[in-house]
Amino acid sequence: MKGAILPTRSEQQLVHACIDLLRLHGALALRINAGMAWVGAGAARRPVRLAPEGTSDILGLLPGGRFVAIEAKRPGGTLRPAQVAFLAEVTARGGLALCVTNETELCNALKIALET
């Protein structure tokens, strides 16, 4: 349909699609929630850090044991400095670190990573 506007996907939808794709390629893939959550009630209520700041949306292991970290962003989204630092650390240690805006980007990276 010419001129049709497709609905934009949320980052959450992209994260789930990436996890599905990783699993189809035989990877262990886990959704990671960074930031803070509140536990308890009343005076016992307190914040708990879920994961260190900058931790990628998806962490996993590719077949063969290579570590993978994937940050999902909507098109035009930008990485925060802590996210850039986390991905750089993963890369420096030999892992596969990616920021993707769609599944095709992940699929292309996996083809290369799984061939080596």
C-alpha atoms as a PDB file:
ATOM      1  CA  MET A   1       0.000   0.000   0.000  1.00  0.00           C
ATOM      2  CA  LYS A   2       1.681   3.180  -1.201  1.00  0.00           C
ATOM      3  CA  GLY A   3       2.187   5.817   1.468  1.00  0.00           C
ATOM      4  CA  ALA A   4       1.122   3.515   4.318  1.00  0.00           C
ATOM      5  CA  ILE A   5       2.708   4.309   7.651  1.00  0.00           C
ATOM      6  CA  LEU A   6       3.775   1.257   9.581  1.00  0.00           C
ATOM      7  CA  PRO A   7       3.509   1.403  13.358  1.00  0.00           C
ATOM      8  CA  THR A   8       6.812   1.862  15.131  1.00  0.00           C
ATOM      9  CA  ARG A   9       7.946  -1.059  17.208  1.00  0.00           C
ATOM     10  CA  SER A  10       8.898  -0.584  20.808  1.00  0.00           C
ATOM     11  CA  GLU A  11      12.332  -1.451  22.159  1.00  0.00           C
ATOM     12  CA  GLN A  12      10.660  -4.215  24.176  1.00  0.00           C
ATOM     13  CA  GLN A  13       9.306  -5.790  20.978  1.00  0.00           C
ATOM     14  CA  LEU A  14      12.759  -5.559  19.394  1.00  0.00           C
ATOM     15  CA  VAL A  15      14.363  -7.137  22.468  1.00  0.00           C
ATOM     16  CA  HIS A  16      11.962 -10.088  22.321  1.00  0.00           C
ATOM     17  CA  ALA A  17      12.546 -10.534  18.579  1.00  0.00           C
ATOM     18  CA  CYS A  18      16.331 -10.494  19.129  1.00  0.00           C
ATOM     19  CA  ILE A  19      16.091 -13.068  21.905  1.00  0.00           C
ATOM     20  CA  ASP A  20      14.021 -15.308  19.634  1.00  0.00           C
ATOM     21  CA  LEU A  21      16.587 -14.927  16.845  1.00  0.00           C
ATOM     22  CA  LEU A  22      19.501 -15.697  19.160  1.00  0.00           C
ATOM     23  CA  ARG A  23      17.758 -18.822  20.425  1.00  0.00           C
ATOM     24  CA  LEU A  24      17.057 -19.940  16.850  1.00  0.00           C
ATOM     25  CA  HIS A  25      20.819 -19.769  16.311  1.00  0.00           C
ATOM     26  CA  GLY A  26      21.410 -21.971  19.371  1.00  0.00           C
ATOM     27  CA  ALA A  27      22.422 -19.217  21.779  1.00  0.00           C
ATOM     28  CA  LEU A  28      21.551 -18.843  25.421  1.00  0.00           C
ATOM     29  CA  ALA A  29      19.936 -15.409  25.646  1.00  0.00           C
ATOM     30  CA  LEU A  30      18.656 -13.565  28.702  1.00  0.00           C
ATOM     31  CA  ARG A  31      16.747 -10.297  29.052  1.00  0.00           C
ATOM     32  CA  ILE A  32      18.470  -8.052  31.570  1.00  0.00           C
ATOM     33  CA  ASN A  33      16.657  -5.282  33.409  1.00  0.00           C
ATOM     34  CA  ALA A  34      19.022  -2.568  34.525  1.00  0.00           C
ATOM     35  CA  GLY A  35      18.107   0.282  36.812  1.00  0.00           C
ATOM     36  CA  MET A  36      16.306   0.206  40.131  1.00  0.00           C
ATOM     37  CA  ALA A  37      13.271  -1.511  41.578  1.00  0.00           C
ATOM     38  CA  TRP A  38      11.536  -0.914  44.874  1.00  0.00           C
ATOM     39  CA  VAL A  39      10.912  -3.827  47.236  1.00  0.00           C
ATOM     40  CA  GLY A  40       9.059  -4.012  50.502  1.00  0.00           C
ATOM     41  CA  ALA A  41       6.341  -1.799  51.887  1.00  0.00           C
ATOM     42  CA  GLY A  42       6.085   1.125  54.281  1.00  0.00           C
ATOM     43  CA  ALA A  43       9.206   1.848  56.305  1.00  0.00           C
ATOM     44  CA  ALA A  44      10.819  -1.350  54.971  1.00  0.00           C
ATOM     45  CA  ARG A  45      10.528  -0.181  51.353  1.00  0.00           C
ATOM     46  CA  ARG A  46      13.966   0.196  49.751  1.00  0.00           C
ATOM     47  CA  PRO A  47      15.559   0.452  46.312  1.00  0.00           C
ATOM     48  CA  VAL A  48      17.405  -2.516  44.841  1.00  0.00           C
ATOM     49  CA  ARG A  49      19.731  -2.212  41.853  1.00  0.00           C
ATOM     50  CA  LEU A  50      18.754  -4.778  39.221  1.00  0.00           C
ATOM     51  CA  ALA A  51      21.970  -4.674  37.163  1.00  0.00           C
ATOM     52  CA  PRO A  52      24.880  -2.262  36.912  1.00  0.00           C
ATOM     53  CA  GLU A  53      24.237   0.931  34.947  1.00  0.00           C
ATOM     54  CA  GLY A  54      24.925   0.458  31.249  1.00  0.00           C
ATOM     55  CA  THR A  55      24.341  -3.297  31.211  1.00  0.00           C
ATOM     56  CA  SER A  56      22.940  -4.318  27.822  1.00  0.00           C
ATOM     57  CA  ASP A  57      19.326  -5.354  27.272  1.00  0.00           C
ATOM     58  CA  ILE A  58      20.353  -8.882  26.278  1.00  0.00           C
ATOM     59  CA  LEU A  59      23.247 -10.977  27.546  1.00  0.00           C
ATOM     60  CA  GLY A  60      24.035 -14.443  26.323  1.00  0.00           C
ATOM     61  CA  LEU A  61      26.353 -17.139  25.100  1.00  0.00           C
ATOM     62  CA  LEU A  62      26.701 -18.092  21.463  1.00  0.00           C
ATOM     63  CA  PRO A  63      27.315 -21.695  20.457  1.00  0.00           C
ATOM     64  CA  GLY A  64      30.970 -22.315  21.279  1.00  0.00           C
ATOM     65  CA  GLY A  65      30.837 -20.113  24.376  1.00  0.00           C
ATOM     66  CA  ARG A  66      31.436 -16.580  23.049  1.00  0.00           C
ATOM     67  CA  PHE A  67      29.769 -13.936  25.223  1.00  0.00           C
ATOM     68  CA  VAL A  68      27.281 -11.616  23.540  1.00  0.00           C
ATOM     69  CA  ALA A  69      25.813  -8.305  24.725  1.00  0.00           C
ATOM     70  CA  ILE A  70      23.094  -6.588  22.711  1.00  0.00           C
ATOM     71  CA  GLU A  71      21.608  -3.166  23.267  1.00  0.00           C
ATOM     72  CA  ALA A  72      18.314  -2.651  21.432  1.00  0.00           C
ATOM     73  CA  LYS A  73      17.393   0.856  20.320  1.00  0.00           C
ATOM     74  CA  ARG A  74      14.576   2.270  18.264  1.00  0.00           C
ATOM     75  CA  PRO A  75      15.806   3.893  15.034  1.00  0.00           C
ATOM     76  CA  GLY A  76      17.358   7.232  15.945  1.00  0.00           C
ATOM     77  CA  GLY A  77      17.914   6.188  19.568  1.00  0.00           C
ATOM     78  CA  THR A  78      21.285   6.929  21.124  1.00  0.00           C
ATOM     79  CA  LEU A  79      23.418   5.024  23.570  1.00  0.00           C
ATOM     80  CA  ARG A  80      24.072   6.526  26.978  1.00  0.00           C
ATOM     81  CA  PRO A  81      27.767   6.836  27.961  1.00  0.00           C
ATOM     82  CA  ALA A  82      27.455   3.915  30.412  1.00  0.00           C
ATOM     83  CA  GLN A  83      26.044   1.731  27.619  1.00  0.00           C
ATOM     84  CA  VAL A  84      28.892   2.683  25.293  1.00  0.00           C
ATOM     85  CA  ALA A  85      31.390   1.817  28.042  1.00  0.00           C
ATOM     86  CA  PHE A  86      29.744  -1.557  28.717  1.00  0.00           C
ATOM     87  CA  LEU A  87      29.760  -2.533  25.033  1.00  0.00           C
ATOM     88  CA  ALA A  88      33.399  -1.411  24.710  1.00  0.00           C
ATOM     89  CA  GLU A  89      34.375  -3.545  27.716  1.00  0.00           C
ATOM     90  CA  VAL A  90      32.658  -6.607  26.213  1.00  0.00           C
ATOM     91  CA  THR A  91      34.460  -6.050  22.901  1.00  0.00           C
ATOM     92  CA  ALA A  92      37.830  -5.541  24.638  1.00  0.00           C
ATOM     93  CA  ARG A  93      37.411  -8.897  26.361  1.00  0.00           C
ATOM     94  CA  GLY A  94      36.610 -10.765  23.141  1.00  0.00           C
ATOM     95  CA  GLY A  95      32.837 -10.780  23.316  1.00  0.00           C
ATOM     96  CA  LEU A  96      30.381  -9.753  20.639  1.00  0.00           C
ATOM     97  CA  ALA A  97      28.890  -6.366  21.528  1.00  0.00           C
ATOM     98  CA  LEU A  98      26.163  -4.816  19.389  1.00  0.00           C
ATOM     99  CA  CYS A  99      23.663  -2.026  19.304  1.00  0.00           C
ATOM    100  CA  VAL A 100      20.839  -2.983  16.943  1.00  0.00           C
ATOM    101  CA  THR A 101      17.740  -1.219  15.678  1.00  0.00           C
ATOM    102  CA  ASN A 102      16.275  -4.250  13.893  1.00  0.00           C
ATOM    103  CA  GLU A 103      16.637  -8.013  13.636  1.00  0.00           C
ATOM    104  CA  THR A 104      18.433  -7.821  10.287  1.00  0.00           C
ATOM    105  CA  GLU A 105      21.390  -6.092  11.924  1.00  0.00           C
ATOM    106  CA  LEU A 106      21.584  -8.858  14.509  1.00  0.00           C
ATOM    107  CA  CYS A 107      21.170 -11.591  11.899  1.00  0.00           C
ATOM    108  CA  ASN A 108      24.035 -10.169   9.811  1.00  0.00           C
ATOM    109  CA  ALA A 109      26.319  -9.937  12.847  1.00  0.00           C
ATOM    110  CA  LEU A 110      25.466 -13.492  13.905  1.00  0.00           C
ATOM    111  CA  LYS A 111      26.281 -14.863  10.458  1.00  0.00           C
ATOM    112  CA  ILE A 112      29.747 -13.354  10.708  1.00  0.00           C
ATOM    113  CA  ALA A 113      30.300 -14.298  14.369  1.00  0.00           C
ATOM    114  CA  LEU A 114      29.152 -17.896  13.938  1.00  0.00           C
ATOM    115  CA  GLU A 115      31.311 -18.458  10.846  1.00  0.00           C
ATOM    116  CA  THR A 116      34.531 -17.696  12.721  1.00  0.00           C
END
